[in-house]
Structure formats: C-alpha cells, structure tokens
Amino acid sequence: MTNTTHFGFETIPEEQKVEKVAKVFHSVASKYDVMNDLMSGGLHRIWKAFTIAQAGIRPGFKVLDIAGGTGDLAKAFAKQAGPTGEVWLTDINESMLRVGRDRLLNKGMITPTLLCDAEKLPFPSNYFDRVSVAFGLRNMTHKDQALAEMHRVLKPGGKLLVLEFSKVWEPLQKPYDVYSFSVLPWLGKQIANDSDSYRYLAESIRMHPDQETLKGMMQEAGLERVQYFNLTAGVAALHTGIKL
C-alpha cells in the first residue's frame, strides 16, 4: 500500500509531497519577503528577532539554518558568529535558496549554501552548536525524521530552535480563519499572481501539530528542556530544545 500524507487539506501519496511543495515555493520565491510583510503586518520580523535573541549565537559557533529560504536568520547568525564561525544556509527548494544566497552576497556576506533535505542532512553527527528552522517544518513529509536529524547533527549542549505557525488563541480562531482563507489567497493573487499557493500555506498551518504536540515530538526526538513561547496569541510559536 502507498503511504499517504497531507498537502494542505488534501491527502496525497507521500512521494508526491516534495514535488508539490517545491512548486509552491518556486512560484512564490521572488515575492516571498513582500508577501511575508503583507501577510503578517511585519510581525514575522519581530518573531525572527525573538528567535535570533533566543539562539544566543557567540563568535566561533557552528550554525545550521534549515529551510532558510531568503536568509533572514542566516544573515543575523553570520554576523554574530563572526569570521571564526560557520553558518550554513540550506533549503530543499532551489528557487528559495538562490534568493537567500543572492541577498547575503548583496550584503557582502559569503556563507556556505547547500541544497539539501532536512530528513537526510549531509552533515556529521555532533557538529553544530545551533540548528534553526523557521516556517519550514510544517512543509516536511516526515517531521519526526527531520527532528531526529536535527538532534543528530547538534553537539551535546547545542540548541534547536523551531519557529513555526501554530495554534492561535481560541477566541481569535474565527477571525483568523476568515483572514487565512479569504484575505491571504486574495493577497497572493494580487501580489504574486498565485492564490492557490497561499491557500495551501493557510491549510498547511491548520494541519501542523499544535504547541504541545510539537513539544512532545521534539522530546521523542531526544531533545531535553523543551519549551515554547507563544508569539502574537499563538499565531506563531518558538520551540527550543537542548541536546544533552
């Protein structure tokens, strides 16, 4: 029997998910940052700033940014890690990775970039001081496998940071649904000429594990001291965990 997974609200064979997600991000890559600002009213920048602060990057740190997209976190991490550090910008989507690489180069920053799958990370075990993934975990087919890989490549004492859309505060659920399923696809159509991709993004948020479930998944992957911070009434949440 063919294993199935979710692509938004649609149930599909597992082997089709990577290709379908790739099409979404190939389509939106050039307008990704503009749409993020419009969709979140700029709040994504505050969420990322909070994540960067929680990461506590120090000079000389080795850092892996997974699903790094347009490079917001990698850029900040590279500044903090300095010339003795090592910050990798990675993504499974070539279009997104090119945008991120070019943005870093335009800032005069040369950091290693790599096209890779988070479920099969091409790095040695116990290598990185920090691993981050922002708004990428929900698009992965086998989240448990990806989390296990993130745990594997962390050094003992290293920290994983997962920033992702999450379960919004219950009284806000209905207006949030109206915004997600009516306004977001309309914005996608107007700005990126692609309403379907933004409808998928809204659906993928609803299918993503809630705060407590993701906390449990991180613990099952071997992480300790797992905690989460609700951001903007749970629209997003930052989960952190330590490899002991």
Protein backbone atom coordinates (compact mmCIF):
# COMPACT_ATOMS: atom_id res chain seq x y z
CA MET A 1 0.00 0.00 0.00
CA THR A 2 1.15 3.53 -0.73
CA ASN A 3 1.76 5.68 2.36
CA THR A 4 -0.13 8.96 2.34
CA THR A 5 0.44 12.37 3.83
CA HIS A 6 -1.17 15.80 3.84
CA PHE A 7 -0.68 18.57 1.32
CA GLY A 8 -2.77 21.22 2.99
CA PHE A 9 -6.20 19.62 3.42
CA GLU A 10 -5.57 17.20 0.55
CA THR A 11 -4.42 13.61 1.18
CA ILE A 12 -1.74 12.54 -1.30
CA PRO A 13 0.86 9.76 -1.72
CA GLU A 14 3.97 10.60 0.30
CA GLU A 15 6.22 10.59 -2.75
CA GLN A 16 4.26 13.47 -4.29
CA LYS A 17 4.59 15.92 -1.39
CA VAL A 18 8.14 17.13 -2.04
CA GLU A 19 7.30 17.95 -5.65
CA LYS A 20 4.06 19.72 -4.76
CA VAL A 21 5.68 21.80 -2.02
CA ALA A 22 8.53 22.62 -4.40
CA LYS A 23 6.05 24.02 -6.93
CA VAL A 24 4.56 26.28 -4.26
CA PHE A 25 7.90 27.78 -3.32
CA HIS A 26 9.22 28.02 -6.88
CA SER A 27 6.09 30.07 -7.55
CA VAL A 28 6.35 32.41 -4.55
CA ALA A 29 10.14 32.77 -4.13
CA SER A 30 10.52 36.13 -5.87
CA LYS A 31 7.69 37.70 -3.83
CA TYR A 32 8.28 35.78 -0.61
CA ASP A 33 9.55 38.63 1.56
CA VAL A 34 6.99 41.14 0.27
CA MET A 35 4.18 38.69 0.94
CA ASN A 36 5.51 37.88 4.42
CA ASP A 37 5.42 41.57 5.33
CA LEU A 38 1.89 41.95 3.96
CA MET A 39 0.51 38.74 5.45
CA SER A 40 1.87 39.32 8.94
CA GLY A 41 1.83 43.11 9.02
CA GLY A 42 5.59 42.90 9.53
CA LEU A 43 5.22 40.72 12.62
CA HIS A 44 7.37 37.95 11.11
CA ARG A 45 10.36 40.27 11.57
CA ILE A 46 9.62 40.54 15.31
CA TRP A 47 9.18 36.76 15.60
CA LYS A 48 12.51 36.20 13.85
CA ALA A 49 14.23 38.81 16.02
CA PHE A 50 12.97 36.97 19.11
CA THR A 51 14.29 33.69 17.68
CA ILE A 52 17.69 35.25 16.97
CA ALA A 53 17.85 36.54 20.55
CA GLN A 54 16.93 33.12 21.97
CA ALA A 55 19.60 31.45 19.83
CA GLY A 56 22.38 33.21 21.71
CA ILE A 57 24.94 32.85 18.93
CA ARG A 58 28.52 33.56 20.02
CA PRO A 59 31.67 34.13 17.95
CA GLY A 60 33.02 30.88 16.55
CA PHE A 61 29.70 29.00 16.71
CA LYS A 62 28.76 26.49 14.02
CA VAL A 63 25.14 27.11 12.98
CA LEU A 64 22.79 25.29 10.59
CA ASP A 65 19.75 27.16 9.27
CA ILE A 66 17.35 24.64 7.71
CA ALA A 67 14.69 25.74 5.21
CA GLY A 68 16.49 29.05 5.45
CA GLY A 69 14.75 30.50 2.41
CA THR A 70 15.62 34.13 1.85
CA GLY A 71 18.29 34.12 4.55
CA ASP A 72 16.90 36.33 7.34
CA LEU A 73 18.16 34.12 10.18
CA ALA A 74 21.39 33.09 8.45
CA LYS A 75 22.32 36.74 7.89
CA ALA A 76 21.90 37.59 11.58
CA PHE A 77 23.64 34.40 12.73
CA ALA A 78 26.61 35.02 10.42
CA LYS A 79 27.11 38.49 11.87
CA GLN A 80 27.05 37.11 15.40
CA ALA A 81 29.23 34.05 14.73
CA GLY A 82 31.83 36.27 13.07
CA PRO A 83 34.77 35.27 10.89
CA THR A 84 35.67 32.32 13.13
CA GLY A 85 32.13 30.93 12.95
CA GLU A 86 30.46 28.74 10.35
CA VAL A 87 26.86 29.40 9.30
CA TRP A 88 25.17 27.20 6.70
CA LEU A 89 22.12 28.39 4.76
CA THR A 90 20.21 25.34 3.49
CA ASP A 91 16.91 24.72 1.78
CA ILE A 92 15.32 21.91 -0.21
CA ASN A 93 13.99 24.45 -2.73
CA GLU A 94 16.49 25.80 -5.24
CA SER A 95 14.49 28.94 -6.06
CA MET A 96 14.31 29.97 -2.42
CA LEU A 97 17.97 29.13 -1.82
CA ARG A 98 19.07 31.28 -4.76
CA VAL A 99 17.12 34.25 -3.39
CA GLY A 100 18.71 33.79 0.04
CA ARG A 101 22.21 33.32 -1.34
CA ASP A 102 21.92 36.42 -3.54
CA ARG A 103 20.61 38.51 -0.65
CA LEU A 104 23.58 37.52 1.50
CA LEU A 105 26.03 38.24 -1.31
CA ASN A 106 24.44 41.65 -1.85
CA LYS A 107 25.17 42.36 1.82
CA GLY A 108 28.80 41.35 1.27
CA MET A 109 28.36 38.13 3.25
CA ILE A 110 29.79 34.90 1.89
CA THR A 111 28.31 31.94 3.75
CA PRO A 112 28.08 28.31 2.60
CA THR A 113 24.74 27.49 0.99
CA LEU A 114 23.53 23.99 0.30
CA LEU A 115 20.51 22.41 -1.37
CA CYS A 116 19.51 19.59 0.96
CA ASP A 117 16.65 17.64 2.50
CA ALA A 118 16.14 18.14 6.26
CA GLU A 119 15.13 14.50 6.58
CA LYS A 120 18.59 13.40 5.34
CA LEU A 121 21.06 16.04 6.47
CA PRO A 122 24.51 15.65 4.83
CA PHE A 123 26.43 16.69 7.94
CA PRO A 124 28.35 14.71 10.57
CA SER A 125 26.84 13.98 13.95
CA ASN A 126 27.57 16.29 16.89
CA TYR A 127 28.74 19.13 14.63
CA PHE A 128 26.60 22.24 15.17
CA ASP A 129 26.18 24.48 18.21
CA ARG A 130 22.79 25.67 16.97
CA VAL A 131 20.22 24.39 14.46
CA SER A 132 17.27 26.53 13.39
CA VAL A 133 14.23 26.06 11.18
CA ALA A 134 11.78 28.92 10.62
CA PHE A 135 8.44 28.30 8.92
CA GLY A 136 9.75 25.15 7.24
CA LEU A 137 8.91 22.20 9.49
CA ARG A 138 5.22 22.13 8.56
CA ASN A 139 6.13 21.51 4.90
CA MET A 140 8.21 18.41 5.67
CA THR A 141 6.73 14.99 4.96
CA HIS A 142 8.26 13.15 7.94
CA LYS A 143 8.59 15.74 10.68
CA ASP A 144 9.72 13.16 13.23
CA GLN A 145 12.57 12.07 10.96
CA ALA A 146 13.59 15.69 10.32
CA LEU A 147 13.63 16.44 14.06
CA ALA A 148 15.72 13.32 14.69
CA GLU A 149 18.23 14.50 12.07
CA MET A 150 18.39 17.96 13.66
CA HIS A 151 19.08 16.31 17.01
CA ARG A 152 21.78 14.10 15.46
CA VAL A 153 23.83 16.95 13.99
CA LEU A 154 23.70 19.04 17.19
CA LYS A 155 26.65 18.92 19.56
CA PRO A 156 25.92 17.91 23.14
CA GLY A 157 24.81 21.13 24.79
CA GLY A 158 23.60 22.51 21.44
CA LYS A 159 20.19 24.06 20.94
CA LEU A 160 17.46 23.52 18.35
CA LEU A 161 15.09 26.39 17.56
CA VAL A 162 11.84 25.75 15.67
CA LEU A 163 9.83 28.84 14.70
CA GLU A 164 6.52 27.93 13.12
CA PHE A 165 2.92 28.97 12.75
CA SER A 166 0.89 27.33 15.49
CA LYS A 167 -2.47 27.10 17.24
CA VAL A 168 -3.97 30.55 17.70
CA TRP A 169 -5.75 31.63 20.91
CA GLU A 170 -9.27 30.19 20.71
CA PRO A 171 -11.27 33.48 20.80
CA LEU A 172 -9.32 34.64 17.73
CA GLN A 173 -9.85 31.44 15.75
CA LYS A 174 -12.86 32.54 13.68
CA PRO A 175 -11.47 35.91 12.52
CA TYR A 176 -8.11 34.24 11.92
CA ASP A 177 -9.81 31.64 9.70
CA VAL A 178 -11.58 34.35 7.70
CA TYR A 179 -8.28 36.16 7.22
CA SER A 180 -6.40 32.97 6.30
CA PHE A 181 -8.85 31.56 3.78
CA SER A 182 -10.20 34.76 2.24
CA VAL A 183 -7.64 37.54 2.57
CA LEU A 184 -4.42 35.52 2.12
CA PRO A 185 -5.40 33.91 -1.22
CA TRP A 186 -6.61 37.33 -2.44
CA LEU A 187 -3.27 38.91 -1.48
CA GLY A 188 -1.46 36.05 -3.19
CA LYS A 189 -3.41 36.67 -6.35
CA GLN A 190 -2.79 40.43 -6.31
CA ILE A 191 0.90 40.41 -5.37
CA ALA A 192 2.29 37.07 -6.56
CA ASN A 193 -0.38 36.17 -9.14
CA ASP A 194 -0.85 32.90 -7.27
CA SER A 195 -3.83 32.37 -4.97
CA ASP A 196 -3.52 28.57 -4.82
CA SER A 197 -0.09 28.60 -3.17
CA TYR A 198 -1.31 30.90 -0.41
CA ARG A 199 -4.41 28.80 0.09
CA TYR A 200 -2.08 25.83 0.59
CA LEU A 201 0.02 27.80 3.07
CA ALA A 202 -3.11 28.58 5.11
CA GLU A 203 -4.18 24.93 5.01
CA SER A 204 -0.71 23.68 5.95
CA ILE A 205 -0.80 25.81 9.09
CA ARG A 206 -4.04 24.11 10.18
CA MET A 207 -2.52 20.65 9.61
CA HIS A 208 0.65 21.41 11.60
CA PRO A 209 0.94 19.98 15.13
CA ASP A 210 -0.14 22.36 17.90
CA GLN A 211 2.25 23.64 20.55
CA GLU A 212 2.01 20.72 22.97
CA THR A 213 2.12 18.09 20.23
CA LEU A 214 5.26 19.57 18.69
CA LYS A 215 6.83 19.79 22.14
CA GLY A 216 6.22 16.06 22.55
CA MET A 217 7.67 15.31 19.11
CA MET A 218 10.86 17.19 19.98
CA GLN A 219 11.15 15.24 23.22
CA GLU A 220 10.66 11.98 21.34
CA ALA A 221 13.48 13.03 19.01
CA GLY A 222 15.78 13.13 22.04
CA LEU A 223 15.75 16.82 22.94
CA GLU A 224 15.64 17.91 26.57
CA ARG A 225 14.40 21.05 28.34
CA VAL A 226 11.89 21.58 25.54
CA GLN A 227 9.82 24.73 25.93
CA TYR A 228 7.80 27.00 23.71
CA PHE A 229 6.94 30.67 23.53
CA ASN A 230 3.61 31.74 22.05
CA LEU A 231 4.01 34.75 19.78
CA THR A 232 1.11 37.06 18.86
CA ALA A 233 -1.54 34.96 20.65
CA GLY A 234 -0.18 31.72 19.21
CA VAL A 235 -0.24 32.74 15.56
CA ALA A 236 3.38 31.60 15.72
CA ALA A 237 5.37 29.78 18.38
CA LEU A 238 9.06 29.29 19.02
CA HIS A 239 10.03 25.88 20.37
CA THR A 240 13.50 25.31 21.78
CA GLY A 241 15.25 22.18 22.99
CA ILE A 242 18.72 21.16 24.13
CA LYS A 243 20.74 18.08 23.20
CA LEU A 244 22.33 16.73 26.39
